[in-house]
Amino acid sequence: DMVLNISMAKEHDYDFIEKEVRLVKEGCGGKLLKVILETCL
């Protein structure tokens, strides 16, 4: 369960979010990945 970069989400840099999540997914080695948005923010 990873926390995405909330600052970049607030900046609306969704390309950054996508690249970051893809990078962490690579690090998971096939294991299941959940991405925490922190929706209250």
PDB file of all heavy atoms in Angstrom:
ATOM      1  N   ASP A   1       0.863  -1.184   0.000  1.00  0.00           N
ATOM      2  CA  ASP A   1       0.000   0.000   0.000  1.00  0.00           C
ATOM      3  C   ASP A   1       0.900   1.235   0.000  1.00  0.00           C
ATOM      4  O   ASP A   1       1.516   1.553   1.016  1.00  0.00           O
ATOM      5  CB  ASP A   1      -0.898   0.031   1.238  1.00  0.00           C
ATOM      6  CG  ASP A   1      -2.022  -0.991   1.199  1.00  0.00           C
ATOM      7  OD1 ASP A   1      -1.928  -1.946   0.401  1.00  0.00           O
ATOM      8  OD2 ASP A   1      -2.987  -0.835   1.973  1.00  0.00           O
ATOM      9  N   MET A   2       0.980   1.908  -1.127  1.00  0.00           N
ATOM     10  CA  MET A   2       1.834   3.098  -1.241  1.00  0.00           C
ATOM     11  C   MET A   2       0.997   4.362  -1.182  1.00  0.00           C
ATOM     12  O   MET A   2      -0.147   4.389  -1.610  1.00  0.00           O
ATOM     13  CB  MET A   2       2.615   3.090  -2.556  1.00  0.00           C
ATOM     14  CG  MET A   2       1.759   3.264  -3.806  1.00  0.00           C
ATOM     15  SD  MET A   2       2.687   3.677  -5.322  1.00  0.00           S
ATOM     16  CE  MET A   2       3.019   5.429  -5.082  1.00  0.00           C
ATOM     17  N   VAL A   3       1.581   5.427  -0.638  1.00  0.00           N
ATOM     18  CA  VAL A   3       0.947   6.745  -0.661  1.00  0.00           C
ATOM     19  C   VAL A   3       1.489   7.504  -1.868  1.00  0.00           C
ATOM     20  O   VAL A   3       2.704   7.631  -2.032  1.00  0.00           O
ATOM     21  CB  VAL A   3       1.251   7.543   0.622  1.00  0.00           C
ATOM     22  CG1 VAL A   3       0.429   8.830   0.647  1.00  0.00           C
ATOM     23  CG2 VAL A   3       0.961   6.711   1.858  1.00  0.00           C
ATOM     24  N   LEU A   4       0.579   7.956  -2.722  1.00  0.00           N
ATOM     25  CA  LEU A   4       1.057   8.733  -3.874  1.00  0.00           C
ATOM     26  C   LEU A   4       1.500  10.118  -3.424  1.00  0.00           C
ATOM     27  O   LEU A   4       1.268  10.526  -2.285  1.00  0.00           O
ATOM     28  CB  LEU A   4      -0.011   8.811  -4.972  1.00  0.00           C
ATOM     29  CG  LEU A   4      -1.403   9.386  -4.709  1.00  0.00           C
ATOM     30  CD1 LEU A   4      -1.397  10.879  -4.437  1.00  0.00           C
ATOM     31  CD2 LEU A   4      -2.316   9.091  -5.899  1.00  0.00           C
ATOM     32  N   ASN A   5       2.140  10.841  -4.326  1.00  0.00           N
ATOM     33  CA  ASN A   5       2.635  12.176  -3.997  1.00  0.00           C
ATOM     34  C   ASN A   5       1.459  13.152  -4.020  1.00  0.00           C
ATOM     35  O   ASN A   5       1.002  13.578  -5.082  1.00  0.00           O
ATOM     36  CB  ASN A   5       3.722  12.599  -4.981  1.00  0.00           C
ATOM     37  CG  ASN A   5       4.422  13.863  -4.529  1.00  0.00           C
ATOM     38  OD1 ASN A   5       3.785  14.882  -4.295  1.00  0.00           O
ATOM     39  ND2 ASN A   5       5.743  13.807  -4.423  1.00  0.00           N
ATOM     40  N   ILE A   6       0.975  13.489  -2.830  1.00  0.00           N
ATOM     41  CA  ILE A   6      -0.223  14.322  -2.724  1.00  0.00           C
ATOM     42  C   ILE A   6       0.018  15.726  -3.250  1.00  0.00           C
ATOM     43  O   ILE A   6      -0.860  16.342  -3.866  1.00  0.00           O
ATOM     44  CB  ILE A   6      -0.696  14.354  -1.258  1.00  0.00           C
ATOM     45  CG1 ILE A   6      -1.027  12.934  -0.781  1.00  0.00           C
ATOM     46  CG2 ILE A   6      -1.931  15.244  -1.096  1.00  0.00           C
ATOM     47  CD1 ILE A   6      -1.066  12.775   0.727  1.00  0.00           C
ATOM     48  N   SER A   7       1.221  16.250  -3.042  1.00  0.00           N
ATOM     49  CA  SER A   7       1.545  17.581  -3.561  1.00  0.00           C
ATOM     50  C   SER A   7       1.420  17.627  -5.077  1.00  0.00           C
ATOM     51  O   SER A   7       0.889  18.591  -5.643  1.00  0.00           O
ATOM     52  CB  SER A   7       2.960  17.978  -3.145  1.00  0.00           C
ATOM     53  OG  SER A   7       3.048  18.144  -1.753  1.00  0.00           O
ATOM     54  N   MET A   8       1.902  16.580  -5.749  1.00  0.00           N
ATOM     55  CA  MET A   8       1.807  16.532  -7.202  1.00  0.00           C
ATOM     56  C   MET A   8       0.360  16.359  -7.664  1.00  0.00           C
ATOM     57  O   MET A   8      -0.030  16.873  -8.712  1.00  0.00           O
ATOM     58  CB  MET A   8       2.683  15.403  -7.752  1.00  0.00           C
ATOM     59  CG  MET A   8       4.173  15.631  -7.596  1.00  0.00           C
ATOM     60  SD  MET A   8       4.781  17.143  -8.436  1.00  0.00           S
ATOM     61  CE  MET A   8       4.981  18.245  -7.023  1.00  0.00           C
ATOM     62  N   ALA A   9      -0.441  15.666  -6.859  1.00  0.00           N
ATOM     63  CA  ALA A   9      -1.869  15.560  -7.172  1.00  0.00           C
ATOM     64  C   ALA A   9      -2.537  16.934  -7.071  1.00  0.00           C
ATOM     65  O   ALA A   9      -3.348  17.304  -7.925  1.00  0.00           O
ATOM     66  CB  ALA A   9      -2.545  14.573  -6.227  1.00  0.00           C
ATOM     67  N   LYS A  10      -2.157  17.701  -6.043  1.00  0.00           N
ATOM     68  CA  LYS A  10      -2.718  19.055  -5.900  1.00  0.00           C
ATOM     69  C   LYS A  10      -2.245  19.982  -7.006  1.00  0.00           C
ATOM     70  O   LYS A  10      -2.939  20.949  -7.349  1.00  0.00           O
ATOM     71  CB  LYS A  10      -2.336  19.637  -4.533  1.00  0.00           C
ATOM     72  CG  LYS A  10      -2.854  18.869  -3.321  1.00  0.00           C
ATOM     73  CD  LYS A  10      -4.362  18.704  -3.318  1.00  0.00           C
ATOM     74  CE  LYS A  10      -5.106  20.023  -3.192  1.00  0.00           C
ATOM     75  NZ  LYS A  10      -6.586  19.811  -3.133  1.00  0.00           N
ATOM     76  N   GLU A  11      -1.062  19.694  -7.564  1.00  0.00           N
ATOM     77  CA  GLU A  11      -0.550  20.473  -8.699  1.00  0.00           C
ATOM     78  C   GLU A  11      -1.153  20.005 -10.024  1.00  0.00           C
ATOM     79  O   GLU A  11      -0.855  20.561 -11.082  1.00  0.00           O
ATOM     80  CB  GLU A  11       0.977  20.350  -8.770  1.00  0.00           C
ATOM     81  CG  GLU A  11       1.721  21.011  -7.622  1.00  0.00           C
ATOM     82  CD  GLU A  11       1.630  22.521  -7.662  1.00  0.00           C
ATOM     83  OE1 GLU A  11       1.462  23.092  -8.770  1.00  0.00           O
ATOM     84  OE2 GLU A  11       1.706  23.144  -6.582  1.00  0.00           O
ATOM     85  N   HIS A  12      -1.944  18.954  -9.961  1.00  0.00           N
ATOM     86  CA  HIS A  12      -2.575  18.349 -11.144  1.00  0.00           C
ATOM     87  C   HIS A  12      -1.550  17.784 -12.125  1.00  0.00           C
ATOM     88  O   HIS A  12      -1.784  17.752 -13.329  1.00  0.00           O
ATOM     89  CB  HIS A  12      -3.501  19.350 -11.852  1.00  0.00           C
ATOM     90  CG  HIS A  12      -4.630  19.825 -10.977  1.00  0.00           C
ATOM     91  ND1 HIS A  12      -5.527  20.796 -11.370  1.00  0.00           N
ATOM     92  CD2 HIS A  12      -5.008  19.463  -9.714  1.00  0.00           C
ATOM     93  CE1 HIS A  12      -6.405  21.010 -10.387  1.00  0.00           C
ATOM     94  NE2 HIS A  12      -6.101  20.207  -9.375  1.00  0.00           N
ATOM     95  N   ASP A  13      -0.438  17.334 -11.583  1.00  0.00           N
ATOM     96  CA  ASP A  13       0.598  16.711 -12.407  1.00  0.00           C
ATOM     97  C   ASP A  13       0.354  15.202 -12.431  1.00  0.00           C
ATOM     98  O   ASP A  13       1.052  14.417 -11.774  1.00  0.00           O
ATOM     99  CB  ASP A  13       1.991  17.028 -11.854  1.00  0.00           C
ATOM    100  CG  ASP A  13       3.105  16.646 -12.818  1.00  0.00           C
ATOM    101  OD1 ASP A  13       2.826  15.907 -13.786  1.00  0.00           O
ATOM    102  OD2 ASP A  13       4.254  17.075 -12.604  1.00  0.00           O
ATOM    103  N   TYR A  14      -0.652  14.803 -13.189  1.00  0.00           N
ATOM    104  CA  TYR A  14      -1.051  13.398 -13.200  1.00  0.00           C
ATOM    105  C   TYR A  14      -0.077  12.526 -13.980  1.00  0.00           C
ATOM    106  O   TYR A  14      -0.039  11.309 -13.755  1.00  0.00           O
ATOM    107  CB  TYR A  14      -2.471  13.270 -13.736  1.00  0.00           C
ATOM    108  CG  TYR A  14      -3.451  14.107 -12.932  1.00  0.00           C
ATOM    109  CD1 TYR A  14      -4.129  15.185 -13.504  1.00  0.00           C
ATOM    110  CD2 TYR A  14      -3.659  13.854 -11.572  1.00  0.00           C
ATOM    111  CE1 TYR A  14      -4.998  15.970 -12.759  1.00  0.00           C
ATOM    112  CE2 TYR A  14      -4.519  14.635 -10.815  1.00  0.00           C
ATOM    113  CZ  TYR A  14      -5.187  15.696 -11.421  1.00  0.00           C
ATOM    114  OH  TYR A  14      -6.039  16.473 -10.668  1.00  0.00           O
ATOM    115  N   ASP A  15       0.720  13.137 -14.836  1.00  0.00           N
ATOM    116  CA  ASP A  15       1.794  12.381 -15.489  1.00  0.00           C
ATOM    117  C   ASP A  15       2.814  11.924 -14.437  1.00  0.00           C
ATOM    118  O   ASP A  15       3.306  10.796 -14.492  1.00  0.00           O
ATOM    119  CB  ASP A  15       2.495  13.229 -16.551  1.00  0.00           C
ATOM    120  CG  ASP A  15       1.650  13.414 -17.800  1.00  0.00           C
ATOM    121  OD1 ASP A  15       0.731  12.594 -18.015  1.00  0.00           O
ATOM    122  OD2 ASP A  15       1.906  14.377 -18.550  1.00  0.00           O
ATOM    123  N   PHE A  16       3.135  12.810 -13.498  1.00  0.00           N
ATOM    124  CA  PHE A  16       4.042  12.437 -12.403  1.00  0.00           C
ATOM    125  C   PHE A  16       3.450  11.282 -11.602  1.00  0.00           C
ATOM    126  O   PHE A  16       4.149  10.312 -11.288  1.00  0.00           O
ATOM    127  CB  PHE A  16       4.287  13.639 -11.488  1.00  0.00           C
ATOM    128  CG  PHE A  16       5.212  13.351 -10.336  1.00  0.00           C
ATOM    129  CD1 PHE A  16       6.554  13.697 -10.400  1.00  0.00           C
ATOM    130  CD2 PHE A  16       4.749  12.716  -9.171  1.00  0.00           C
ATOM    131  CE1 PHE A  16       7.419  13.413  -9.333  1.00  0.00           C
ATOM    132  CE2 PHE A  16       5.599  12.429  -8.114  1.00  0.00           C
ATOM    133  CZ  PHE A  16       6.938  12.781  -8.196  1.00  0.00           C
ATOM    134  N   ILE A  17       2.173  11.396 -11.255  1.00  0.00           N
ATOM    135  CA  ILE A  17       1.499  10.349 -10.476  1.00  0.00           C
ATOM    136  C   ILE A  17       1.575   9.015 -11.214  1.00  0.00           C
ATOM    137  O   ILE A  17       1.928   7.978 -10.638  1.00  0.00           O
ATOM    138  CB  ILE A  17       0.029  10.720 -10.206  1.00  0.00           C
ATOM    139  CG1 ILE A  17      -0.085  12.017  -9.391  1.00  0.00           C
ATOM    140  CG2 ILE A  17      -0.699   9.555  -9.522  1.00  0.00           C
ATOM    141  CD1 ILE A  17       0.505  11.959  -8.032  1.00  0.00           C
ATOM    142  N   GLU A  18       1.267   9.041 -12.493  1.00  0.00           N
ATOM    143  CA  GLU A  18       1.286   7.811 -13.283  1.00  0.00           C
ATOM    144  C   GLU A  18       2.678   7.194 -13.320  1.00  0.00           C
ATOM    145  O   GLU A  18       2.846   5.982 -13.119  1.00  0.00           O
ATOM    146  CB  GLU A  18       0.796   8.097 -14.706  1.00  0.00           C
ATOM    147  CG  GLU A  18       0.751   6.861 -15.587  1.00  0.00           C
ATOM    148  CD  GLU A  18       0.237   7.153 -16.988  1.00  0.00           C
ATOM    149  OE1 GLU A  18      -0.333   8.243 -17.212  1.00  0.00           O
ATOM    150  OE2 GLU A  18       0.400   6.282 -17.865  1.00  0.00           O
ATOM    151  N   LYS A  19       3.687   8.019 -13.552  1.00  0.00           N
ATOM    152  CA  LYS A  19       5.064   7.516 -13.631  1.00  0.00           C
ATOM    153  C   LYS A  19       5.514   6.968 -12.281  1.00  0.00           C
ATOM    154  O   LYS A  19       6.188   5.941 -12.205  1.00  0.00           O
ATOM    155  CB  LYS A  19       5.996   8.625 -14.097  1.00  0.00           C
ATOM    156  CG  LYS A  19       5.807   9.015 -15.555  1.00  0.00           C
ATOM    157  CD  LYS A  19       6.665  10.222 -15.934  1.00  0.00           C
ATOM    158  CE  LYS A  19       6.404  10.641 -17.376  1.00  0.00           C
ATOM    159  NZ  LYS A  19       7.156  11.889 -17.724  1.00  0.00           N
ATOM    160  N   GLU A  20       5.164   7.652 -11.198  1.00  0.00           N
ATOM    161  CA  GLU A  20       5.551   7.211  -9.866  1.00  0.00           C
ATOM    162  C   GLU A  20       4.925   5.856  -9.542  1.00  0.00           C
ATOM    163  O   GLU A  20       5.605   4.936  -9.065  1.00  0.00           O
ATOM    164  CB  GLU A  20       5.117   8.241  -8.822  1.00  0.00           C
ATOM    165  CG  GLU A  20       5.409   7.805  -7.386  1.00  0.00           C
ATOM    166  CD  GLU A  20       4.872   8.778  -6.349  1.00  0.00           C
ATOM    167  OE1 GLU A  20       3.635   8.975  -6.281  1.00  0.00           O
ATOM    168  OE2 GLU A  20       5.692   9.327  -5.607  1.00  0.00           O
ATOM    169  N   VAL A  21       3.639   5.732  -9.801  1.00  0.00           N
ATOM    170  CA  VAL A  21       2.947   4.476  -9.504  1.00  0.00           C
ATOM    171  C   VAL A  21       3.509   3.347 -10.351  1.00  0.00           C
ATOM    172  O   VAL A  21       3.717   2.225  -9.859  1.00  0.00           O
ATOM    173  CB  VAL A  21       1.428   4.630  -9.714  1.00  0.00           C
ATOM    174  CG1 VAL A  21       0.722   3.287  -9.571  1.00  0.00           C
ATOM    175  CG2 VAL A  21       0.849   5.634  -8.724  1.00  0.00           C
ATOM    176  N   ARG A  22       3.788   3.622 -11.612  1.00  0.00           N
ATOM    177  CA  ARG A  22       4.364   2.592 -12.488  1.00  0.00           C
ATOM    178  C   ARG A  22       5.725   2.142 -11.963  1.00  0.00           C
ATOM    179  O   ARG A  22       6.048   0.951 -11.995  1.00  0.00           O
ATOM    180  CB  ARG A  22       4.480   3.119 -13.913  1.00  0.00           C
ATOM    181  CG  ARG A  22       4.992   2.062 -14.909  1.00  0.00           C
ATOM    182  CD  ARG A  22       4.987   2.553 -16.336  1.00  0.00           C
ATOM    183  NE  ARG A  22       3.630   2.649 -16.859  1.00  0.00           N
ATOM    184  CZ  ARG A  22       3.020   3.782 -17.177  1.00  0.00           C
ATOM    185  NH1 ARG A  22       3.639   4.944 -17.019  1.00  0.00           N
ATOM    186  NH2 ARG A  22       1.793   3.778 -17.653  1.00  0.00           N
ATOM    187  N   LEU A  23       6.512   3.088 -11.474  1.00  0.00           N
ATOM    188  CA  LEU A  23       7.841   2.767 -10.937  1.00  0.00           C
ATOM    189  C   LEU A  23       7.718   1.872  -9.703  1.00  0.00           C
ATOM    190  O   LEU A  23       8.457   0.879  -9.569  1.00  0.00           O
ATOM    191  CB  LEU A  23       8.571   4.063 -10.584  1.00  0.00           C
ATOM    192  CG  LEU A  23      10.086   3.984 -10.342  1.00  0.00           C
ATOM    193  CD1 LEU A  23      10.810   3.561 -11.608  1.00  0.00           C
ATOM    194  CD2 LEU A  23      10.612   5.334  -9.860  1.00  0.00           C
ATOM    195  N   VAL A  24       6.803   2.214  -8.805  1.00  0.00           N
ATOM    196  CA  VAL A  24       6.625   1.406  -7.600  1.00  0.00           C
ATOM    197  C   VAL A  24       6.077   0.026  -7.953  1.00  0.00           C
ATOM    198  O   VAL A  24       6.466  -0.977  -7.352  1.00  0.00           O
ATOM    199  CB  VAL A  24       5.715   2.120  -6.587  1.00  0.00           C
ATOM    200  CG1 VAL A  24       5.461   1.226  -5.375  1.00  0.00           C
ATOM    201  CG2 VAL A  24       6.332   3.442  -6.146  1.00  0.00           C
ATOM    202  N   LYS A  25       5.202  -0.030  -8.947  1.00  0.00           N
ATOM    203  CA  LYS A  25       4.681  -1.329  -9.386  1.00  0.00           C
ATOM    204  C   LYS A  25       5.830  -2.225  -9.855  1.00  0.00           C
ATOM    205  O   LYS A  25       5.828  -3.434  -9.587  1.00  0.00           O
ATOM    206  CB  LYS A  25       3.655  -1.132 -10.507  1.00  0.00           C
ATOM    207  CG  LYS A  25       3.035  -2.427 -11.033  1.00  0.00           C
ATOM    208  CD  LYS A  25       2.260  -3.171  -9.975  1.00  0.00           C
ATOM    209  CE  LYS A  25       1.581  -4.406 -10.557  1.00  0.00           C
ATOM    210  NZ  LYS A  25       0.879  -5.210  -9.534  1.00  0.00           N
ATOM    211  N   GLU A  26       6.802  -1.650 -10.524  1.00  0.00           N
ATOM    212  CA  GLU A  26       7.982  -2.423 -10.926  1.00  0.00           C
ATOM    213  C   GLU A  26       8.703  -2.971  -9.700  1.00  0.00           C
ATOM    214  O   GLU A  26       9.159  -4.115  -9.677  1.00  0.00           O
ATOM    215  CB  GLU A  26       8.941  -1.554 -11.739  1.00  0.00           C
ATOM    216  CG  GLU A  26       8.422  -1.148 -13.110  1.00  0.00           C
ATOM    217  CD  GLU A  26       9.345  -0.160 -13.795  1.00  0.00           C
ATOM    218  OE1 GLU A  26      10.444   0.130 -13.245  1.00  0.00           O
ATOM    219  OE2 GLU A  26       8.982   0.354 -14.865  1.00  0.00           O
ATOM    220  N   GLY A  27       8.799  -2.153  -8.661  1.00  0.00           N
ATOM    221  CA  GLY A  27       9.469  -2.570  -7.433  1.00  0.00           C
ATOM    222  C   GLY A  27       8.717  -3.654  -6.688  1.00  0.00           C
ATOM    223  O   GLY A  27       9.313  -4.363  -5.865  1.00  0.00           O
ATOM    224  N   CYS A  28       7.429  -3.809  -6.974  1.00  0.00           N
ATOM    225  CA  CYS A  28       6.614  -4.811  -6.284  1.00  0.00           C
ATOM    226  C   CYS A  28       6.882  -6.222  -6.796  1.00  0.00           C
ATOM    227  O   CYS A  28       6.452  -7.194  -6.162  1.00  0.00           O
ATOM    228  CB  CYS A  28       5.129  -4.490  -6.448  1.00  0.00           C
ATOM    229  SG  CYS A  28       4.592  -3.032  -5.551  1.00  0.00           S
ATOM    230  N   GLY A  29       7.538  -6.338  -7.936  1.00  0.00           N
ATOM    231  CA  GLY A  29       7.873  -7.664  -8.443  1.00  0.00           C
ATOM    232  C   GLY A  29       6.678  -8.572  -8.650  1.00  0.00           C
ATOM    233  O   GLY A  29       6.731  -9.760  -8.350  1.00  0.00           O
ATOM    234  N   GLY A  30       5.586  -8.016  -9.123  1.00  0.00           N
ATOM    235  CA  GLY A  30       4.399  -8.813  -9.391  1.00  0.00           C
ATOM    236  C   GLY A  30       3.417  -8.890  -8.229  1.00  0.00           C
ATOM    237  O   GLY A  30       2.314  -9.432  -8.381  1.00  0.00           O
ATOM    238  N   LYS A  31       3.802  -8.370  -7.070  1.00  0.00           N
ATOM    239  CA  LYS A  31       2.886  -8.372  -5.929  1.00  0.00           C
ATOM    240  C   LYS A  31       1.822  -7.289  -6.100  1.00  0.00           C
ATOM    241  O   LYS A  31       1.989  -6.327  -6.848  1.00  0.00           O
ATOM    242  CB  LYS A  31       3.644  -8.145  -4.623  1.00  0.00           C
ATOM    243  CG  LYS A  31       4.753  -9.152  -4.352  1.00  0.00           C
ATOM    244  CD  LYS A  31       4.227 -10.574  -4.256  1.00  0.00           C
ATOM    245  CE  LYS A  31       5.357 -11.532  -3.903  1.00  0.00           C
ATOM    246  NZ  LYS A  31       4.902 -12.947  -3.888  1.00  0.00           N
ATOM    247  N   LEU A  32       0.734  -7.462  -5.381  1.00  0.00           N
ATOM    248  CA  LEU A  32      -0.405  -6.565  -5.519  1.00  0.00           C
ATOM    249  C   LEU A  32      -0.079  -5.178  -4.972  1.00  0.00           C
ATOM    250  O   LEU A  32       0.487  -5.054  -3.891  1.00  0.00           O
ATOM    251  CB  LEU A  32      -1.595  -7.175  -4.776  1.00  0.00           C
ATOM    252  CG  LEU A  32      -2.964  -6.537  -4.964  1.00  0.00           C
ATOM    253  CD1 LEU A  32      -4.039  -7.627  -5.052  1.00  0.00           C
ATOM    254  CD2 LEU A  32      -3.286  -5.595  -3.822  1.00  0.00           C
ATOM    255  N   LEU A  33      -0.455  -4.144  -5.735  1.00  0.00           N
ATOM    256  CA  LEU A  33      -0.178  -2.757  -5.355  1.00  0.00           C
ATOM    257  C   LEU A  33      -1.467  -1.973  -5.187  1.00  0.00           C
ATOM    258  O   LEU A  33      -2.286  -1.882  -6.098  1.00  0.00           O
ATOM    259  CB  LEU A  33       0.690  -2.070  -6.418  1.00  0.00           C
ATOM    260  CG  LEU A  33       0.957  -0.571  -6.194  1.00  0.00           C
ATOM    261  CD1 LEU A  33       1.738  -0.337  -4.908  1.00  0.00           C
ATOM    262  CD2 LEU A  33       1.696   0.029  -7.395  1.00  0.00           C
ATOM    263  N   LYS A  34      -1.614  -1.384  -3.987  1.00  0.00           N
ATOM    264  CA  LYS A  34      -2.726  -0.478  -3.707  1.00  0.00           C
ATOM    265  C   LYS A  34      -2.154   0.921  -3.560  1.00  0.00           C
ATOM    266  O   LYS A  34      -1.110   1.101  -2.931  1.00  0.00           O
ATOM    267  CB  LYS A  34      -3.459  -0.885  -2.429  1.00  0.00           C
ATOM    268  CG  LYS A  34      -3.815  -2.365  -2.326  1.00  0.00           C
ATOM    269  CD  LYS A  34      -4.648  -2.626  -1.064  1.00  0.00           C
ATOM    270  CE  LYS A  34      -4.571  -4.078  -0.652  1.00  0.00           C
ATOM    271  NZ  LYS A  34      -3.580  -4.307   0.426  1.00  0.00           N
ATOM    272  N   VAL A  35      -2.838   1.916  -4.114  1.00  0.00           N
ATOM    273  CA  VAL A  35      -2.345   3.291  -4.082  1.00  0.00           C
ATOM    274  C   VAL A  35      -3.271   4.143  -3.220  1.00  0.00           C
ATOM    275  O   VAL A  35      -4.462   4.268  -3.496  1.00  0.00           O
ATOM    276  CB  VAL A  35      -2.247   3.889  -5.495  1.00  0.00           C
ATOM    277  CG1 VAL A  35      -1.644   5.293  -5.425  1.00  0.00           C
ATOM    278  CG2 VAL A  35      -1.409   3.001  -6.407  1.00  0.00           C
ATOM    279  N   ILE A  36      -2.688   4.718  -2.169  1.00  0.00           N
ATOM    280  CA  ILE A  36      -3.457   5.563  -1.237  1.00  0.00           C
ATOM    281  C   ILE A  36      -3.507   6.991  -1.767  1.00  0.00           C
ATOM    282  O   ILE A  36      -2.474   7.619  -2.003  1.00  0.00           O
ATOM    283  CB  ILE A  36      -2.815   5.551   0.159  1.00  0.00           C
ATOM    284  CG1 ILE A  36      -2.671   4.113   0.685  1.00  0.00           C
ATOM    285  CG2 ILE A  36      -3.640   6.391   1.128  1.00  0.00           C
ATOM    286  CD1 ILE A  36      -1.826   4.006   1.944  1.00  0.00           C
ATOM    287  N   LEU A  37      -4.734   7.499  -1.926  1.00  0.00           N
ATOM    288  CA  LEU A  37      -4.914   8.844  -2.479  1.00  0.00           C
ATOM    289  C   LEU A  37      -4.942   9.927  -1.399  1.00  0.00           C
ATOM    290  O   LEU A  37      -4.635  11.070  -1.675  1.00  0.00           O
ATOM    291  CB  LEU A  37      -6.224   8.925  -3.268  1.00  0.00           C
ATOM    292  CG  LEU A  37      -6.201   8.503  -4.737  1.00  0.00           C
ATOM    293  CD1 LEU A  37      -5.716   7.066  -4.916  1.00  0.00           C
ATOM    294  CD2 LEU A  37      -7.588   8.662  -5.348  1.00  0.00           C
ATOM    295  N   GLU A  38      -5.315   9.589  -0.190  1.00  0.00           N
ATOM    296  CA  GLU A  38      -5.618  10.543   0.890  1.00  0.00           C
ATOM    297  C   GLU A  38      -6.719  11.496   0.417  1.00  0.00           C
ATOM    298  O   GLU A  38      -6.539  12.711   0.239  1.00  0.00           O
ATOM    299  CB  GLU A  38      -4.377  11.305   1.321  1.00  0.00           C
ATOM    300  CG  GLU A  38      -4.465  11.889   2.724  1.00  0.00           C
ATOM    301  CD  GLU A  38      -4.449  10.814   3.819  1.00  0.00           C
ATOM    302  OE1 GLU A  38      -5.482  10.150   4.018  1.00  0.00           O
ATOM    303  OE2 GLU A  38      -3.403  10.649   4.484  1.00  0.00           O
ATOM    304  N   THR A  39      -7.899  10.926   0.218  1.00  0.00           N
ATOM    305  CA  THR A  39      -9.016  11.628  -0.417  1.00  0.00           C
ATOM    306  C   THR A  39      -9.467  12.874   0.342  1.00  0.00           C
ATOM    307  O   THR A  39     -10.004  13.803  -0.266  1.00  0.00           O
ATOM    308  CB  THR A  39     -10.215  10.686  -0.582  1.00  0.00           C
ATOM    309  OG1 THR A  39     -10.472   9.999   0.655  1.00  0.00           O
ATOM    310  CG2 THR A  39      -9.936   9.653  -1.657  1.00  0.00           C
ATOM    311  N   CYS A  40      -9.265  12.912   1.652  1.00  0.00           N
ATOM    312  CA  CYS A  40      -9.697  14.082   2.428  1.00  0.00           C
ATOM    313  C   CYS A  40      -8.944  15.343   2.036  1.00  0.00           C
ATOM    314  O   CYS A  40      -9.388  16.460   2.336  1.00  0.00           O
ATOM    315  CB  CYS A  40      -9.553  13.824   3.921  1.00  0.00           C
ATOM    316  SG  CYS A  40      -7.845  13.588   4.480  1.00  0.00           S
ATOM    317  N   LEU A  41      -7.811  15.201   1.362  1.00  0.00           N
ATOM    318  CA  LEU A  41      -7.004  16.356   0.949  1.00  0.00           C
ATOM    319  C   LEU A  41      -7.222  16.737  -0.513  1.00  0.00           C
ATOM    320  O   LEU A  41      -6.645  17.710  -0.990  1.00  0.00           O
ATOM    321  CB  LEU A  41      -5.521  16.063   1.179  1.00  0.00           C
ATOM    322  CG  LEU A  41      -5.102  15.737   2.614  1.00  0.00           C
ATOM    323  CD1 LEU A  41      -3.604  15.455   2.681  1.00  0.00           C
ATOM    324  CD2 LEU A  41      -5.475  16.868   3.571  1.00  0.00           C
TER     325      LEU A  41
END
